[in-house]
C-alpha atoms as a PDB file:
ATOM      1  CA  MET A   1     120.636 117.428  90.885  1.00  0.00           C
ATOM      2  CA  ASP A   2     120.099 113.936  89.469  1.00  0.00           C
ATOM      3  CA  THR A   3     116.386 113.212  89.031  1.00  0.00           C
ATOM      4  CA  THR A   4     116.952 109.950  87.120  1.00  0.00           C
ATOM      5  CA  THR A   5     118.303 107.764  89.934  1.00  0.00           C
ATOM      6  CA  ILE A   6     117.022 106.165  93.117  1.00  0.00           C
ATOM      7  CA  PHE A   7     119.823 106.255  95.701  1.00  0.00           C
ATOM      8  CA  GLN A   8     119.602 103.511  98.291  1.00  0.00           C
ATOM      9  CA  HIS A   9     121.881 103.096 101.276  1.00  0.00           C
ATOM     10  CA  GLY A  10     122.149  99.502 102.437  1.00  0.00           C
ATOM     11  CA  THR A  11     119.810  96.712 101.405  1.00  0.00           C
ATOM     12  CA  LEU A  12     116.628  95.461 102.965  1.00  0.00           C
ATOM     13  CA  GLY A  13     118.337  92.073 103.064  1.00  0.00           C
ATOM     14  CA  LEU A  14     120.960  93.286 105.538  1.00  0.00           C
ATOM     15  CA  LEU A  15     118.185  94.042 108.033  1.00  0.00           C
ATOM     16  CA  VAL A  16     117.031  90.404 107.951  1.00  0.00           C
ATOM     17  CA  PRO A  17     119.791  88.942 110.212  1.00  0.00           C
ATOM     18  CA  GLY A  18     119.630  92.029 112.433  1.00  0.00           C
ATOM     19  CA  LEU A  19     122.204  94.486 111.064  1.00  0.00           C
ATOM     20  CA  PHE A  20     120.370  97.488 112.493  1.00  0.00           C
ATOM     21  CA  ASP A  21     123.279  99.827 113.269  1.00  0.00           C
ATOM     22  CA  GLY A  22     123.097 103.114 111.384  1.00  0.00           C
ATOM     23  CA  THR A  23     125.778 103.451 108.716  1.00  0.00           C
ATOM     24  CA  ILE A  24     124.895 106.743 106.995  1.00  0.00           C
ATOM     25  CA  THR A  25     123.924 110.080 108.525  1.00  0.00           C
ATOM     26  CA  ALA A  26     120.637 111.719 107.651  1.00  0.00           C
ATOM     27  CA  GLY A  27     122.602 114.755 106.535  1.00  0.00           C
ATOM     28  CA  GLU A  28     124.601 112.763 104.000  1.00  0.00           C
ATOM     29  CA  LEU A  29     121.533 110.837 102.851  1.00  0.00           C
ATOM     30  CA  LEU A  30     119.695 114.073 102.039  1.00  0.00           C
ATOM     31  CA  THR A  31     122.484 115.116  99.664  1.00  0.00           C
ATOM     32  CA  HIS A  32     121.289 112.234  97.449  1.00  0.00           C
ATOM     33  CA  GLY A  33     117.567 112.980  97.476  1.00  0.00           C
ATOM     34  CA  ASP A  34     114.806 115.101  98.974  1.00  0.00           C
ATOM     35  CA  THR A  35     112.102 112.419  99.112  1.00  0.00           C
ATOM     36  CA  GLY A  36     112.064 108.809 100.306  1.00  0.00           C
ATOM     37  CA  ILE A  37     111.683 106.218 103.087  1.00  0.00           C
ATOM     38  CA  GLY A  38     113.796 104.166 105.483  1.00  0.00           C
ATOM     39  CA  THR A  39     114.414 103.276 109.135  1.00  0.00           C
ATOM     40  CA  LEU A  40     116.654 104.675 111.855  1.00  0.00           C
ATOM     41  CA  ASP A  41     119.572 103.217 113.832  1.00  0.00           C
ATOM     42  CA  GLY A  42     118.330 100.276 115.893  1.00  0.00           C
ATOM     43  CA  LEU A  43     115.350  99.748 113.560  1.00  0.00           C
ATOM     44  CA  ASN A  44     113.881 102.680 115.458  1.00  0.00           C
ATOM     45  CA  GLY A  45     110.594 103.453 113.734  1.00  0.00           C
ATOM     46  CA  GLU A  46     109.711 104.408 110.181  1.00  0.00           C
ATOM     47  CA  VAL A  47     111.349 107.216 108.205  1.00  0.00           C
ATOM     48  CA  ILE A  48     109.401 109.450 105.833  1.00  0.00           C
ATOM     49  CA  ILE A  49     111.328 112.028 103.778  1.00  0.00           C
ATOM     50  CA  LEU A  50     109.380 114.830 102.105  1.00  0.00           C
ATOM     51  CA  GLY A  51     110.554 118.181 100.752  1.00  0.00           C
ATOM     52  CA  GLY A  52     114.094 117.646 102.021  1.00  0.00           C
ATOM     53  CA  HIS A  53     112.949 116.987 105.601  1.00  0.00           C
ATOM     54  CA  ALA A  54     113.286 113.568 107.247  1.00  0.00           C
ATOM     55  CA  TYR A  55     110.694 112.519 109.820  1.00  0.00           C
ATOM     56  CA  GLN A  56     110.566 109.586 112.220  1.00  0.00           C
ATOM     57  CA  ALA A  57     107.286 107.862 113.021  1.00  0.00           C
ATOM     58  CA  ARG A  58     107.970 106.435 116.492  1.00  0.00           C
ATOM     59  CA  GLU A  59     106.526 103.370 118.167  1.00  0.00           C
ATOM     60  CA  ASP A  60     104.696 105.602 120.673  1.00  0.00           C
ATOM     61  CA  GLY A  61     102.793 107.233 117.802  1.00  0.00           C
ATOM     62  CA  GLN A  62     104.743 110.502 117.873  1.00  0.00           C
ATOM     63  CA  ILE A  63     106.259 112.116 114.766  1.00  0.00           C
ATOM     64  CA  ARG A  64     109.521 114.065 115.018  1.00  0.00           C
ATOM     65  CA  GLU A  65     112.013 115.596 112.597  1.00  0.00           C
ATOM     66  CA  ILE A  66     115.292 113.700 112.317  1.00  0.00           C
ATOM     67  CA  GLN A  67     118.519 115.595 112.983  1.00  0.00           C
ATOM     68  CA  PRO A  68     121.377 115.594 110.410  1.00  0.00           C
ATOM     69  CA  GLU A  69     123.755 113.645 112.685  1.00  0.00           C
ATOM     70  CA  GLU A  70     121.350 110.747 113.268  1.00  0.00           C
ATOM     71  CA  THR A  71     122.118 107.548 111.369  1.00  0.00           C
ATOM     72  CA  LEU A  72     120.197 105.014 109.300  1.00  0.00           C
ATOM     73  CA  PRO A  73     120.993 101.403 108.315  1.00  0.00           C
ATOM     74  CA  PHE A  74     118.634 101.450 105.322  1.00  0.00           C
ATOM     75  CA  ALA A  75     116.952 104.162 103.264  1.00  0.00           C
ATOM     76  CA  SER A  76     115.937 104.982  99.698  1.00  0.00           C
ATOM     77  CA  VAL A  77     115.776 108.552  98.369  1.00  0.00           C
ATOM     78  CA  HIS A  78     115.413 110.463  95.117  1.00  0.00           C
ATOM     79  CA  PHE A  79     115.078 114.035  93.918  1.00  0.00           C
ATOM     80  CA  GLU A  80     111.428 114.504  93.131  1.00  0.00           C
ATOM     81  CA  LYS A  81     110.438 115.286  89.546  1.00  0.00           C
ATOM     82  CA  PRO A  82     107.321 113.246  88.692  1.00  0.00           C
ATOM     83  CA  ASP A  83     106.667 112.420  85.060  1.00  0.00           C
ATOM     84  CA  ILE A  84     103.003 111.476  85.625  1.00  0.00           C
ATOM     85  CA  SER A  85     100.197 113.117  87.585  1.00  0.00           C
ATOM     86  CA  ALA A  86      96.643 111.787  87.860  1.00  0.00           C
ATOM     87  CA  GLN A  87      93.546 112.212  90.021  1.00  0.00           C
ATOM     88  CA  LEU A  88      92.261 109.389  92.221  1.00  0.00           C
ATOM     89  CA  ALA A  89      88.899 108.902  93.910  1.00  0.00           C
ATOM     90  CA  ALA A  90      87.330 106.165  96.046  1.00  0.00           C
ATOM     91  CA  ILE A  91      89.885 103.403  95.502  1.00  0.00           C
ATOM     92  CA  THR A  92      91.160 100.676  97.834  1.00  0.00           C
ATOM     93  CA  GLN A  93      94.819  99.762  98.230  1.00  0.00           C
ATOM     94  CA  THR A  94      94.444  96.506  96.286  1.00  0.00           C
ATOM     95  CA  ASP A  95      92.755  98.192  93.338  1.00  0.00           C
ATOM     96  CA  PHE A  96      95.184 101.115  93.499  1.00  0.00           C
ATOM     97  CA  GLU A  97      98.241  98.864  93.291  1.00  0.00           C
ATOM     98  CA  GLN A  98      96.835  96.802  90.416  1.00  0.00           C
ATOM     99  CA  GLN A  99      95.785  99.919  88.506  1.00  0.00           C
ATOM    100  CA  VAL A 100      99.101 101.755  88.949  1.00  0.00           C
ATOM    101  CA  VAL A 101     101.205  98.772  87.848  1.00  0.00           C
ATOM    102  CA  HIS A 102      98.982  98.249  84.792  1.00  0.00           C
ATOM    103  CA  ASP A 103      98.416 101.865  83.731  1.00  0.00           C
ATOM    104  CA  TYR A 104     102.028 103.001  84.109  1.00  0.00           C
ATOM    105  CA  ARG A 105     103.718  99.739  83.055  1.00  0.00           C
ATOM    106  CA  LEU A 106     105.690  99.270  86.252  1.00  0.00           C
ATOM    107  CA  THR A 107     106.137  95.484  86.316  1.00  0.00           C
ATOM    108  CA  ASN A 108     109.826  95.677  85.382  1.00  0.00           C
ATOM    109  CA  VAL A 109     110.491  99.309  86.292  1.00  0.00           C
ATOM    110  CA  PHE A 110     111.623 101.220  89.367  1.00  0.00           C
ATOM    111  CA  ALA A 111     109.253 104.047  90.266  1.00  0.00           C
ATOM    112  CA  ALA A 112     108.603 106.511  93.051  1.00  0.00           C
ATOM    113  CA  ILE A 113     104.973 106.645  94.130  1.00  0.00           C
ATOM    114  CA  ARG A 114     103.444 109.678  95.832  1.00  0.00           C
ATOM    115  CA  VAL A 115      99.794 110.210  96.715  1.00  0.00           C
ATOM    116  CA  ASP A 116      98.633 113.481  98.309  1.00  0.00           C
ATOM    117  CA  GLY A 117      95.061 113.920  99.464  1.00  0.00           C
ATOM    118  CA  THR A 118      92.350 112.661 101.774  1.00  0.00           C
ATOM    119  CA  PHE A 119      92.204 109.025 102.804  1.00  0.00           C
ATOM    120  CA  ALA A 120      89.013 107.351 103.993  1.00  0.00           C
ATOM    121  CA  LYS A 121      91.104 104.874 105.949  1.00  0.00           C
ATOM    122  CA  VAL A 122      94.764 104.488 106.858  1.00  0.00           C
ATOM    123  CA  LYS A 123      96.375 101.664 108.834  1.00  0.00           C
ATOM    124  CA  ALA A 124     100.108 101.847 109.524  1.00  0.00           C
ATOM    125  CA  ARG A 125     102.607 100.052 111.718  1.00  0.00           C
ATOM    126  CA  VAL A 126     105.879 101.156 113.265  1.00  0.00           C
ATOM    127  CA  ALA A 127     108.914  98.952 113.911  1.00  0.00           C
ATOM    128  CA  PRO A 128     109.865  99.055 117.605  1.00  0.00           C
ATOM    129  CA  ARG A 129     113.350 100.202 118.607  1.00  0.00           C
ATOM    130  CA  GLN A 130     115.854  97.396 119.152  1.00  0.00           C
ATOM    131  CA  GLU A 131     118.880  97.194 121.434  1.00  0.00           C
ATOM    132  CA  PRO A 132     122.074  95.145 120.832  1.00  0.00           C
ATOM    133  CA  PRO A 133     122.515  92.241 120.627  1.00  0.00           C
ATOM    134  CA  TYR A 134     119.917  92.555 117.879  1.00  0.00           C
ATOM    135  CA  LYS A 135     117.240  90.002 117.061  1.00  0.00           C
ATOM    136  CA  THR A 136     116.485  89.019 113.484  1.00  0.00           C
ATOM    137  CA  LEU A 137     114.088  91.235 111.511  1.00  0.00           C
ATOM    138  CA  VAL A 138     111.253  88.711 111.813  1.00  0.00           C
ATOM    139  CA  ALA A 139     111.702  88.425 115.583  1.00  0.00           C
ATOM    140  CA  ALA A 140     112.084  92.191 116.003  1.00  0.00           C
ATOM    141  CA  THR A 141     108.871  92.906 114.086  1.00  0.00           C
ATOM    142  CA  ALA A 142     106.797  90.021 115.478  1.00  0.00           C
ATOM    143  CA  THR A 143     104.848  92.529 117.551  1.00  0.00           C
ATOM    144  CA  GLN A 144     104.518  96.063 116.236  1.00  0.00           C
ATOM    145  CA  PRO A 145     102.242  98.914 117.300  1.00  0.00           C
ATOM    146  CA  GLU A 146      99.601  99.754 114.706  1.00  0.00           C
ATOM    147  CA  PHE A 147      97.927 103.108 114.179  1.00  0.00           C
ATOM    148  CA  THR A 148      94.746 103.903 112.276  1.00  0.00           C
ATOM    149  CA  GLY A 149      92.930 106.963 111.033  1.00  0.00           C
ATOM    150  CA  GLU A 150      89.790 107.843 109.100  1.00  0.00           C
ATOM    151  CA  HIS A 151      89.270 110.773 106.739  1.00  0.00           C
ATOM    152  CA  VAL A 152      92.920 111.735 107.116  1.00  0.00           C
ATOM    153  CA  ASP A 153      94.732 114.325 104.995  1.00  0.00           C
ATOM    154  CA  GLY A 154      98.270 113.278 104.219  1.00  0.00           C
ATOM    155  CA  THR A 155     100.874 111.818 101.894  1.00  0.00           C
ATOM    156  CA  ILE A 156     101.812 108.314 100.822  1.00  0.00           C
ATOM    157  CA  ILE A 157     105.426 108.080  99.698  1.00  0.00           C
ATOM    158  CA  GLY A 158     107.437 105.075  98.613  1.00  0.00           C
ATOM    159  CA  TYR A 159     108.547 102.921  95.745  1.00  0.00           C
ATOM    160  CA  TYR A 160     107.670 100.167  93.341  1.00  0.00           C
ATOM    161  CA  ALA A 161     110.544  97.817  92.476  1.00  0.00           C
ATOM    162  CA  PRO A 162     110.651  94.853  90.073  1.00  0.00           C
ATOM    163  CA  HIS A 163     110.354  91.553  91.951  1.00  0.00           C
ATOM    164  CA  LEU A 164     113.750  90.604  90.523  1.00  0.00           C
ATOM    165  CA  PHE A 165     115.254  93.005  93.097  1.00  0.00           C
ATOM    166  CA  GLN A 166     113.595  91.482  96.171  1.00  0.00           C
ATOM    167  CA  GLY A 167     116.301  91.341  98.807  1.00  0.00           C
ATOM    168  CA  ALA A 168     118.100  94.442  97.642  1.00  0.00           C
ATOM    169  CA  THR A 169     114.806  96.176  98.392  1.00  0.00           C
ATOM    170  CA  VAL A 170     111.144  95.176  98.593  1.00  0.00           C
ATOM    171  CA  GLY A 171     109.941  93.638  95.337  1.00  0.00           C
ATOM    172  CA  GLY A 172     106.655  95.372  94.547  1.00  0.00           C
ATOM    173  CA  PHE A 173     105.293  98.283  96.574  1.00  0.00           C
ATOM    174  CA  HIS A 174     106.984  99.639  99.716  1.00  0.00           C
ATOM    175  CA  LEU A 175     104.948 102.593 101.007  1.00  0.00           C
ATOM    176  CA  HIS A 176     105.046 104.842 104.069  1.00  0.00           C
ATOM    177  CA  PHE A 177     102.519 107.455 105.213  1.00  0.00           C
ATOM    178  CA  LEU A 178     102.644 110.826 106.946  1.00  0.00           C
ATOM    179  CA  SER A 179      99.522 112.797 107.829  1.00  0.00           C
ATOM    180  CA  LYS A 180      99.409 116.499 107.041  1.00  0.00           C
ATOM    181  CA  ASP A 181      99.163 117.365 110.748  1.00  0.00           C
ATOM    182  CA  HIS A 182     102.028 114.969 111.643  1.00  0.00           C
ATOM    183  CA  GLN A 183      99.792 113.020 114.015  1.00  0.00           C
ATOM    184  CA  LEU A 184      99.872 109.715 112.109  1.00  0.00           C
ATOM    185  CA  GLY A 185     102.678 107.986 110.256  1.00  0.00           C
ATOM    186  CA  GLY A 186     104.391 104.699 109.549  1.00  0.00           C
ATOM    187  CA  HIS A 187     104.706 101.768 107.175  1.00  0.00           C
ATOM    188  CA  LEU A 188     101.421 101.368 105.317  1.00  0.00           C
ATOM    189  CA  LEU A 189      99.465  98.179 105.908  1.00  0.00           C
ATOM    190  CA  GLU A 190      96.149  99.282 104.435  1.00  0.00           C
ATOM    191  CA  PHE A 191      94.595 102.393 102.948  1.00  0.00           C
ATOM    192  CA  GLU A 192      91.635 103.660 100.990  1.00  0.00           C
ATOM    193  CA  VAL A 193      91.787 106.842  98.946  1.00  0.00           C
ATOM    194  CA  GLU A 194      88.914 109.288  99.242  1.00  0.00           C
ATOM    195  CA  GLN A 195      90.232 111.997  96.909  1.00  0.00           C
ATOM    196  CA  ALA A 196      93.886 112.441  95.995  1.00  0.00           C
ATOM    197  CA  THR A 197      96.552 113.242  93.428  1.00  0.00           C
ATOM    198  CA  LEU A 198      98.902 110.472  92.298  1.00  0.00           C
ATOM    199  CA  LYS A 199     102.417 111.274  91.111  1.00  0.00           C
ATOM    200  CA  VAL A 200     104.656 108.655  89.502  1.00  0.00           C
ATOM    201  CA  GLN A 201     108.346 109.050  88.685  1.00  0.00           C
ATOM    202  CA  HIS A 202     110.040 106.342  86.596  1.00  0.00           C
ATOM    203  CA  PHE A 203     113.728 105.519  87.039  1.00  0.00           C
ATOM    204  CA  ALA A 204     116.193 103.732  84.774  1.00  0.00           C
ATOM    205  CA  ASP A 205     118.928 103.821  87.433  1.00  0.00           C
ATOM    206  CA  PHE A 206     119.001 102.215  90.897  1.00  0.00           C
ATOM    207  CA  HIS A 207     122.138 103.117  92.862  1.00  0.00           C
ATOM    208  CA  VAL A 208     122.933 100.926  95.873  1.00  0.00           C
ATOM    209  CA  HIS A 209     125.485 102.238  98.363  1.00  0.00           C
ATOM    210  CA  LEU A 210     126.817  99.496 100.666  1.00  0.00           C
ATOM    211  CA  PRO A 211     128.228  99.975 104.208  1.00  0.00           C
ATOM    212  CA  ILE A 212     131.622  98.418 103.434  1.00  0.00           C
ATOM    213  CA  ASP A 213     133.217 100.028 106.510  1.00  0.00           C
ATOM    214  CA  ASN A 214     130.846  98.151 108.815  1.00  0.00           C
ATOM    215  CA  GLU A 215     132.490  95.018 110.228  1.00  0.00           C
ATOM    216  CA  ALA A 216     129.216  93.197 110.949  1.00  0.00           C
ATOM    217  CA  TYR A 217     128.135  93.676 107.333  1.00  0.00           C
ATOM    218  CA  LEU A 218     131.449  92.394 105.989  1.00  0.00           C
ATOM    219  CA  GLN A 219     131.243  89.242 108.118  1.00  0.00           C
ATOM    220  CA  GLU A 220     127.587  88.348 107.495  1.00  0.00           C
ATOM    221  CA  GLN A 221     126.772  85.269 105.405  1.00  0.00           C
ATOM    222  CA  PHE A 222     123.498  86.150 103.688  1.00  0.00           C
ATOM    223  CA  ASP A 223     120.992  83.518 102.580  1.00  0.00           C
ATOM    224  CA  ASN A 224     118.651  84.504  99.744  1.00  0.00           C
ATOM    225  CA  GLU A 225     115.841  82.140 100.704  1.00  0.00           C
ATOM    226  CA  THR A 226     115.828  83.380 104.292  1.00  0.00           C
ATOM    227  CA  ILE A 227     115.892  86.993 103.107  1.00  0.00           C
ATOM    228  CA  ASP A 228     112.952  86.490 100.745  1.00  0.00           C
ATOM    229  CA  HIS A 229     110.844  84.801 103.431  1.00  0.00           C
ATOM    230  CA  ALA A 230     111.688  87.420 106.043  1.00  0.00           C
ATOM    231  CA  ILE A 231     110.873  90.368 103.777  1.00  0.00           C
ATOM    232  CA  ASN A 232     107.509  88.879 102.872  1.00  0.00           C
ATOM    233  CA  LYS A 233     106.721  88.285 106.543  1.00  0.00           C
ATOM    234  CA  ALA A 234     108.000  91.569 107.974  1.00  0.00           C
ATOM    235  CA  GLU A 235     107.151  94.043 105.233  1.00  0.00           C
ATOM    236  CA  ARG A 236     103.858  92.911 103.732  1.00  0.00           C
END
């Protein structure tokens, strides 16, 4: 079990022009990590992977466990072995992100971020399922259902990546949420910690696995400027 590498299937950049077809099964993905985030075939919701189980936060607000044969166009996973643990209390998302980058020297480092505890406020969104022919990422996520909760017990999971790697992934923080009772989940837009435990895992290795058997991927002409703009618009 390799605990030193983030394994990522696909790139966030390939979602930008609308390459939403799943190109790896959940079963195969989980052989590369027991914790992580992603999206399902057709950009169908938000994926949260915890303890070797993959969950889908759906656009109707429901949470369900993903089956091994289901496919994903993009996901990042790792085997969890945090090298830092710290207690958090009464901190907003903005202050949290600034503090974590500063305290754990993440500016130029890949890291997994996990926060377990009680959250005074959580606001998440869920990408709506798309059907072929696919729209671009910006068009597909122009309207997204949002879900909120107060005094919620749950887990934030995701990654920090150096901004140099924007396009391959999200430069900066990319965080998803799953409540303990599986009633709330999605891509985090805003949160405030009430009382929680932070775990940070640093990585020297970032392994990108590309869908080279997918004809649409092989034919696509990617544009870095378009990708950067679209990620900032769709993911922030």
